[in-house]
């Protein structure tokens, strides 16, 4: 199978695309994290990405606020 010369082997994201991915990951994490546990159901049924949790906890407050308010510009 011949490789397509117009297509690179690996896509490298530009700054805007990386920012959009970060915003999406943080928003998804916050939505999953803030969801209330269902009454009478397993209290630990809320699953979220532990890697994103670790990253969010290490972020500076200003950076986190900037990611969460990205669409308000």
PDB file of N, CA and C in Angstrom:
ATOM      1  N   UNK A   1       0.848  -1.182   0.000  1.00  0.00           N
ATOM      2  CA  UNK A   1       0.000   0.000   0.000  1.00  0.00           C
ATOM      3  C   UNK A   1       0.892   1.243   0.000  1.00  0.00           C
ATOM      4  N   UNK A   2       0.734   2.087  -0.959  1.00  0.00           N
ATOM      5  CA  UNK A   2       1.549   3.296  -1.091  1.00  0.00           C
ATOM      6  C   UNK A   2       1.016   4.395  -0.190  1.00  0.00           C
ATOM      7  N   UNK A   3       1.946   5.150   0.351  1.00  0.00           N
ATOM      8  CA  UNK A   3       1.548   6.274   1.209  1.00  0.00           C
ATOM      9  C   UNK A   3       1.151   7.462   0.358  1.00  0.00           C
ATOM     10  N   UNK A   4       0.201   8.201   0.843  1.00  0.00           N
ATOM     11  CA  UNK A   4      -0.241   9.412   0.165  1.00  0.00           C
ATOM     12  C   UNK A   4       0.778  10.512   0.484  1.00  0.00           C
ATOM     13  N   UNK A   5       1.428  11.107  -0.508  1.00  0.00           N
ATOM     14  CA  UNK A   5       2.460  12.117  -0.237  1.00  0.00           C
ATOM     15  C   UNK A   5       1.903  13.411   0.344  1.00  0.00           C
ATOM     16  N   UNK A   6       0.608  13.675   0.157  1.00  0.00           N
ATOM     17  CA  UNK A   6       0.009  14.901   0.677  1.00  0.00           C
ATOM     18  C   UNK A   6      -0.369  14.793   2.148  1.00  0.00           C
ATOM     19  N   UNK A   7      -0.309  13.605   2.678  1.00  0.00           N
ATOM     20  CA  UNK A   7      -0.762  13.375   4.051  1.00  0.00           C
ATOM     21  C   UNK A   7       0.427  12.996   4.932  1.00  0.00           C
ATOM     22  N   UNK A   8       0.630  13.720   6.010  1.00  0.00           N
ATOM     23  CA  UNK A   8       1.740  13.407   6.910  1.00  0.00           C
ATOM     24  C   UNK A   8       1.387  12.196   7.763  1.00  0.00           C
ATOM     25  N   UNK A   9       2.392  11.532   8.273  1.00  0.00           N
ATOM     26  CA  UNK A   9       2.178  10.332   9.073  1.00  0.00           C
ATOM     27  C   UNK A   9       1.520  10.676  10.403  1.00  0.00           C
ATOM     28  N   UNK A  10       1.809  11.836  10.913  1.00  0.00           N
ATOM     29  CA  UNK A  10       1.280  12.224  12.215  1.00  0.00           C
ATOM     30  C   UNK A  10       0.809  13.672  12.160  1.00  0.00           C
ATOM     31  N   UNK A  11      -0.401  13.898  12.622  1.00  0.00           N
ATOM     32  CA  UNK A  11      -0.951  15.253  12.629  1.00  0.00           C
ATOM     33  C   UNK A  11      -0.435  15.983  13.853  1.00  0.00           C
ATOM     34  N   UNK A  12       0.098  17.137  13.633  1.00  0.00           N
ATOM     35  CA  UNK A  12       0.545  17.977  14.742  1.00  0.00           C
ATOM     36  C   UNK A  12      -0.437  19.133  14.860  1.00  0.00           C
ATOM     37  N   UNK A  13      -0.973  19.295  16.053  1.00  0.00           N
ATOM     38  CA  UNK A  13      -1.971  20.325  16.270  1.00  0.00           C
ATOM     39  C   UNK A  13      -1.309  21.682  16.445  1.00  0.00           C
ATOM     40  N   UNK A  14      -1.973  22.709  15.935  1.00  0.00           N
ATOM     41  CA  UNK A  14      -1.473  24.055  16.163  1.00  0.00           C
ATOM     42  C   UNK A  14      -1.979  24.529  17.525  1.00  0.00           C
ATOM     43  N   UNK A  15      -1.592  25.725  17.922  1.00  0.00           N
ATOM     44  CA  UNK A  15      -1.922  26.233  19.255  1.00  0.00           C
ATOM     45  C   UNK A  15      -3.426  26.331  19.478  1.00  0.00           C
ATOM     46  N   UNK A  16      -4.162  26.752  18.461  1.00  0.00           N
ATOM     47  CA  UNK A  16      -5.614  26.892  18.583  1.00  0.00           C
ATOM     48  C   UNK A  16      -6.276  25.536  18.796  1.00  0.00           C
ATOM     49  N   UNK A  17      -5.819  24.545  18.054  1.00  0.00           N
ATOM     50  CA  UNK A  17      -6.384  23.199  18.192  1.00  0.00           C
ATOM     51  C   UNK A  17      -6.045  22.585  19.549  1.00  0.00           C
ATOM     52  N   UNK A  18      -4.816  22.789  20.020  1.00  0.00           N
ATOM     53  CA  UNK A  18      -4.430  22.279  21.344  1.00  0.00           C
ATOM     54  C   UNK A  18      -5.264  22.942  22.435  1.00  0.00           C
ATOM     55  N   UNK A  19      -5.503  24.242  22.291  1.00  0.00           N
ATOM     56  CA  UNK A  19      -6.313  24.965  23.277  1.00  0.00           C
ATOM     57  C   UNK A  19      -7.747  24.443  23.274  1.00  0.00           C
ATOM     58  N   UNK A  20      -8.291  24.204  22.091  1.00  0.00           N
ATOM     59  CA  UNK A  20      -9.659  23.689  21.988  1.00  0.00           C
ATOM     60  C   UNK A  20      -9.769  22.304  22.638  1.00  0.00           C
ATOM     61  N   UNK A  21      -8.771  21.468  22.450  1.00  0.00           N
ATOM     62  CA  UNK A  21      -8.771  20.147  23.083  1.00  0.00           C
ATOM     63  C   UNK A  21      -8.692  20.275  24.610  1.00  0.00           C
ATOM     64  N   UNK A  22      -7.861  21.195  25.089  1.00  0.00           N
ATOM     65  CA  UNK A  22      -7.736  21.400  26.530  1.00  0.00           C
ATOM     66  C   UNK A  22      -9.045  21.913  27.116  1.00  0.00           C
ATOM     67  N   UNK A  23      -9.670  22.864  26.445  1.00  0.00           N
ATOM     68  CA  UNK A  23     -10.950  23.412  26.905  1.00  0.00           C
ATOM     69  C   UNK A  23     -11.996  22.305  26.976  1.00  0.00           C
ATOM     70  N   UNK A  24     -12.069  21.497  25.945  1.00  0.00           N
ATOM     71  CA  UNK A  24     -13.037  20.406  25.912  1.00  0.00           C
ATOM     72  C   UNK A  24     -12.806  19.395  27.021  1.00  0.00           C
ATOM     73  N   UNK A  25     -11.547  19.049  27.257  1.00  0.00           N
ATOM     74  CA  UNK A  25     -11.228  18.075  28.305  1.00  0.00           C
ATOM     75  C   UNK A  25     -11.595  18.611  29.687  1.00  0.00           C
ATOM     76  N   UNK A  26     -11.273  19.879  29.941  1.00  0.00           N
ATOM     77  CA  UNK A  26     -11.563  20.473  31.253  1.00  0.00           C
ATOM     78  C   UNK A  26     -13.068  20.601  31.457  1.00  0.00           C
ATOM     79  N   UNK A  27     -13.794  21.038  30.438  1.00  0.00           N
ATOM     80  CA  UNK A  27     -15.248  21.177  30.577  1.00  0.00           C
ATOM     81  C   UNK A  27     -15.920  19.832  30.814  1.00  0.00           C
ATOM     82  N   UNK A  28     -15.480  18.816  30.088  1.00  0.00           N
ATOM     83  CA  UNK A  28     -16.049  17.478  30.271  1.00  0.00           C
ATOM     84  C   UNK A  28     -15.761  16.965  31.690  1.00  0.00           C
ATOM     85  N   UNK A  29     -14.536  17.195  32.165  1.00  0.00           N
ATOM     86  CA  UNK A  29     -14.173  16.796  33.517  1.00  0.00           C
ATOM     87  C   UNK A  29     -15.048  17.493  34.549  1.00  0.00           C
ATOM     88  N   UNK A  30     -15.210  18.801  34.418  1.00  0.00           N
ATOM     89  CA  UNK A  30     -16.006  19.567  35.389  1.00  0.00           C
ATOM     90  C   UNK A  30     -17.449  19.083  35.391  1.00  0.00           C
ATOM     91  N   UNK A  31     -17.994  18.826  34.214  1.00  0.00           N
ATOM     92  CA  UNK A  31     -19.380  18.364  34.120  1.00  0.00           C
ATOM     93  C   UNK A  31     -19.556  17.011  34.807  1.00  0.00           C
ATOM     94  N   UNK A  32     -18.612  16.108  34.608  1.00  0.00           N
ATOM     95  CA  UNK A  32     -18.686  14.791  35.230  1.00  0.00           C
ATOM     96  C   UNK A  32     -18.413  14.887  36.726  1.00  0.00           C
ATOM     97  N   UNK A  33     -17.491  15.737  37.126  1.00  0.00           N
ATOM     98  CA  UNK A  33     -17.081  15.870  38.515  1.00  0.00           C
ATOM     99  C   UNK A  33     -18.172  16.493  39.373  1.00  0.00           C
ATOM    100  N   UNK A  34     -18.893  17.464  38.814  1.00  0.00           N
ATOM    101  CA  UNK A  34     -19.901  18.176  39.606  1.00  0.00           C
ATOM    102  C   UNK A  34     -21.231  17.443  39.701  1.00  0.00           C
ATOM    103  N   UNK A  35     -21.423  16.425  38.875  1.00  0.00           N
ATOM    104  CA  UNK A  35     -22.703  15.707  38.877  1.00  0.00           C
ATOM    105  C   UNK A  35     -22.955  15.081  40.245  1.00  0.00           C
ATOM    106  N   UNK A  36     -24.141  15.253  40.741  1.00  0.00           N
ATOM    107  CA  UNK A  36     -24.525  14.700  42.027  1.00  0.00           C
ATOM    108  C   UNK A  36     -24.651  13.190  41.938  1.00  0.00           C
ATOM    109  N   UNK A  37     -24.308  12.508  43.013  1.00  0.00           N
ATOM    110  CA  UNK A  37     -24.499  11.060  43.069  1.00  0.00           C
ATOM    111  C   UNK A  37     -26.001  10.785  43.129  1.00  0.00           C
ATOM    112  N   UNK A  38     -26.417   9.729  42.481  1.00  0.00           N
ATOM    113  CA  UNK A  38     -27.828   9.383  42.453  1.00  0.00           C
ATOM    114  C   UNK A  38     -28.233   8.727  43.777  1.00  0.00           C
ATOM    115  N   UNK A  39     -29.365   9.125  44.311  1.00  0.00           N
ATOM    116  CA  UNK A  39     -29.838   8.596  45.583  1.00  0.00           C
ATOM    117  C   UNK A  39     -30.159   7.106  45.445  1.00  0.00           C
ATOM    118  N   UNK A  40     -29.631   6.319  46.356  1.00  0.00           N
ATOM    119  CA  UNK A  40     -29.904   4.889  46.361  1.00  0.00           C
ATOM    120  C   UNK A  40     -29.051   4.089  45.395  1.00  0.00           C
ATOM    121  N   UNK A  41     -28.174   4.762  44.687  1.00  0.00           N
ATOM    122  CA  UNK A  41     -27.278   4.095  43.744  1.00  0.00           C
ATOM    123  C   UNK A  41     -25.853   4.262  44.261  1.00  0.00           C
ATOM    124  N   UNK A  42     -24.976   3.460  43.764  1.00  0.00           N
ATOM    125  CA  UNK A  42     -23.575   3.518  44.171  1.00  0.00           C
ATOM    126  C   UNK A  42     -23.076   4.970  44.175  1.00  0.00           C
ATOM    127  N   UNK A  43     -22.567   5.468  45.303  1.00  0.00           N
ATOM    128  CA  UNK A  43     -22.134   6.860  45.378  1.00  0.00           C
ATOM    129  C   UNK A  43     -20.884   7.152  44.541  1.00  0.00           C
ATOM    130  N   UNK A  44     -20.114   6.132  44.228  1.00  0.00           N
ATOM    131  CA  UNK A  44     -18.899   6.346  43.448  1.00  0.00           C
ATOM    132  C   UNK A  44     -19.098   5.983  41.988  1.00  0.00           C
ATOM    133  N   UNK A  45     -20.314   6.179  41.476  1.00  0.00           N
ATOM    134  CA  UNK A  45     -20.597   5.831  40.088  1.00  0.00           C
ATOM    135  C   UNK A  45     -20.188   6.929  39.110  1.00  0.00           C
ATOM    136  N   UNK A  46     -19.692   8.030  39.626  1.00  0.00           N
ATOM    137  CA  UNK A  46     -19.282   9.132  38.762  1.00  0.00           C
ATOM    138  C   UNK A  46     -17.853   8.879  38.272  1.00  0.00           C
ATOM    139  N   UNK A  47     -17.736   8.553  37.019  1.00  0.00           N
ATOM    140  CA  UNK A  47     -16.412   8.294  36.474  1.00  0.00           C
ATOM    141  C   UNK A  47     -15.923   9.516  35.714  1.00  0.00           C
ATOM    142  N   UNK A  48     -14.660   9.819  35.883  1.00  0.00           N
ATOM    143  CA  UNK A  48     -14.030  10.911  35.161  1.00  0.00           C
ATOM    144  C   UNK A  48     -12.564  10.567  34.995  1.00  0.00           C
ATOM    145  N   UNK A  49     -11.896  11.289  34.153  1.00  0.00           N
ATOM    146  CA  UNK A  49     -10.510  11.029  33.815  1.00  0.00           C
ATOM    147  C   UNK A  49      -9.590  11.496  34.943  1.00  0.00           C
ATOM    148  N   UNK A  50      -8.911  10.565  35.560  1.00  0.00           N
ATOM    149  CA  UNK A  50      -8.012  10.896  36.681  1.00  0.00           C
ATOM    150  C   UNK A  50      -6.815  11.719  36.218  1.00  0.00           C
ATOM    151  N   UNK A  51      -6.399  11.523  34.976  1.00  0.00           N
ATOM    152  CA  UNK A  51      -5.273  12.291  34.439  1.00  0.00           C
ATOM    153  C   UNK A  51      -5.658  13.769  34.318  1.00  0.00           C
ATOM    154  N   UNK A  52      -6.880  14.030  33.857  1.00  0.00           N
ATOM    155  CA  UNK A  52      -7.356  15.415  33.749  1.00  0.00           C
ATOM    156  C   UNK A  52      -7.526  16.005  35.145  1.00  0.00           C
ATOM    157  N   UNK A  53      -8.011  15.201  36.089  1.00  0.00           N
ATOM    158  CA  UNK A  53      -8.158  15.684  37.461  1.00  0.00           C
ATOM    159  C   UNK A  53      -6.808  16.136  38.018  1.00  0.00           C
ATOM    160  N   UNK A  54      -5.796  15.341  37.799  1.00  0.00           N
ATOM    161  CA  UNK A  54      -4.455  15.672  38.285  1.00  0.00           C
ATOM    162  C   UNK A  54      -3.958  16.968  37.641  1.00  0.00           C
ATOM    163  N   UNK A  55      -4.194  17.107  36.341  1.00  0.00           N
ATOM    164  CA  UNK A  55      -3.771  18.303  35.618  1.00  0.00           C
ATOM    165  C   UNK A  55      -4.514  19.537  36.122  1.00  0.00           C
ATOM    166  N   UNK A  56      -5.825  19.403  36.321  1.00  0.00           N
ATOM    167  CA  UNK A  56      -6.634  20.531  36.791  1.00  0.00           C
ATOM    168  C   UNK A  56      -6.199  20.960  38.188  1.00  0.00           C
ATOM    169  N   UNK A  57      -5.918  20.019  39.043  1.00  0.00           N
ATOM    170  CA  UNK A  57      -5.491  20.354  40.406  1.00  0.00           C
ATOM    171  C   UNK A  57      -4.144  21.069  40.430  1.00  0.00           C
ATOM    172  N   UNK A  58      -3.305  20.808  39.425  1.00  0.00           N
ATOM    173  CA  UNK A  58      -1.992  21.442  39.370  1.00  0.00           C
ATOM    174  C   UNK A  58      -2.006  22.771  38.633  1.00  0.00           C
ATOM    175  N   UNK A  59      -3.123  23.105  37.968  1.00  0.00           N
ATOM    176  CA  UNK A  59      -3.210  24.349  37.202  1.00  0.00           C
ATOM    177  C   UNK A  59      -3.280  25.555  38.120  1.00  0.00           C
ATOM    178  N   UNK A  60      -2.754  26.636  37.613  1.00  0.00           N
ATOM    179  CA  UNK A  60      -2.912  27.903  38.323  1.00  0.00           C
ATOM    180  C   UNK A  60      -4.371  28.317  38.183  1.00  0.00           C
ATOM    181  N   UNK A  61      -4.944  28.943  39.202  1.00  0.00           N
ATOM    182  CA  UNK A  61      -6.354  29.343  39.142  1.00  0.00           C
ATOM    183  C   UNK A  61      -6.693  30.215  37.934  1.00  0.00           C
ATOM    184  N   UNK A  62      -5.795  31.093  37.560  1.00  0.00           N
ATOM    185  CA  UNK A  62      -6.053  31.972  36.419  1.00  0.00           C
ATOM    186  C   UNK A  62      -6.152  31.178  35.122  1.00  0.00           C
ATOM    187  N   UNK A  63      -5.311  30.168  34.958  1.00  0.00           N
ATOM    188  CA  UNK A  63      -5.338  29.330  33.752  1.00  0.00           C
ATOM    189  C   UNK A  63      -6.629  28.514  33.692  1.00  0.00           C
ATOM    190  N   UNK A  64      -7.035  27.938  34.825  1.00  0.00           N
ATOM    191  CA  UNK A  64      -8.274  27.170  34.877  1.00  0.00           C
ATOM    192  C   UNK A  64      -9.468  28.063  34.553  1.00  0.00           C
ATOM    193  N   UNK A  65      -9.498  29.243  35.128  1.00  0.00           N
ATOM    194  CA  UNK A  65     -10.577  30.187  34.861  1.00  0.00           C
ATOM    195  C   UNK A  65     -10.608  30.556  33.379  1.00  0.00           C
ATOM    196  N   UNK A  66      -9.441  30.752  32.798  1.00  0.00           N
ATOM    197  CA  UNK A  66      -9.343  31.088  31.376  1.00  0.00           C
ATOM    198  C   UNK A  66      -9.909  29.968  30.497  1.00  0.00           C
ATOM    199  N   UNK A  67      -9.622  28.712  30.844  1.00  0.00           N
ATOM    200  CA  UNK A  67     -10.139  27.586  30.072  1.00  0.00           C
ATOM    201  C   UNK A  67     -11.641  27.425  30.240  1.00  0.00           C
ATOM    202  N   UNK A  68     -12.136  27.634  31.451  1.00  0.00           N
ATOM    203  CA  UNK A  68     -13.561  27.468  31.699  1.00  0.00           C
ATOM    204  C   UNK A  68     -14.390  28.583  31.064  1.00  0.00           C
ATOM    205  N   UNK A  69     -13.819  29.759  30.920  1.00  0.00           N
ATOM    206  CA  UNK A  69     -14.547  30.906  30.357  1.00  0.00           C
ATOM    207  C   UNK A  69     -14.150  31.183  28.909  1.00  0.00           C
ATOM    208  N   UNK A  70     -13.673  30.187  28.216  1.00  0.00           N
ATOM    209  CA  UNK A  70     -13.150  30.365  26.860  1.00  0.00           C
ATOM    210  C   UNK A  70     -14.180  30.940  25.894  1.00  0.00           C
ATOM    211  N   UNK A  71     -15.428  30.546  25.992  1.00  0.00           N
ATOM    212  CA  UNK A  71     -16.443  31.003  25.045  1.00  0.00           C
ATOM    213  C   UNK A  71     -17.013  32.382  25.371  1.00  0.00           C
ATOM    214  N   UNK A  72     -16.620  32.979  26.471  1.00  0.00           N
ATOM    215  CA  UNK A  72     -17.155  34.275  26.882  1.00  0.00           C
ATOM    216  C   UNK A  72     -16.385  35.450  26.296  1.00  0.00           C
ATOM    217  N   UNK A  73     -15.468  35.180  25.402  1.00  0.00           N
ATOM    218  CA  UNK A  73     -14.645  36.261  24.826  1.00  0.00           C
ATOM    219  C   UNK A  73     -15.425  37.076  23.837  1.00  0.00           C
TER     220      UNK A  73
END
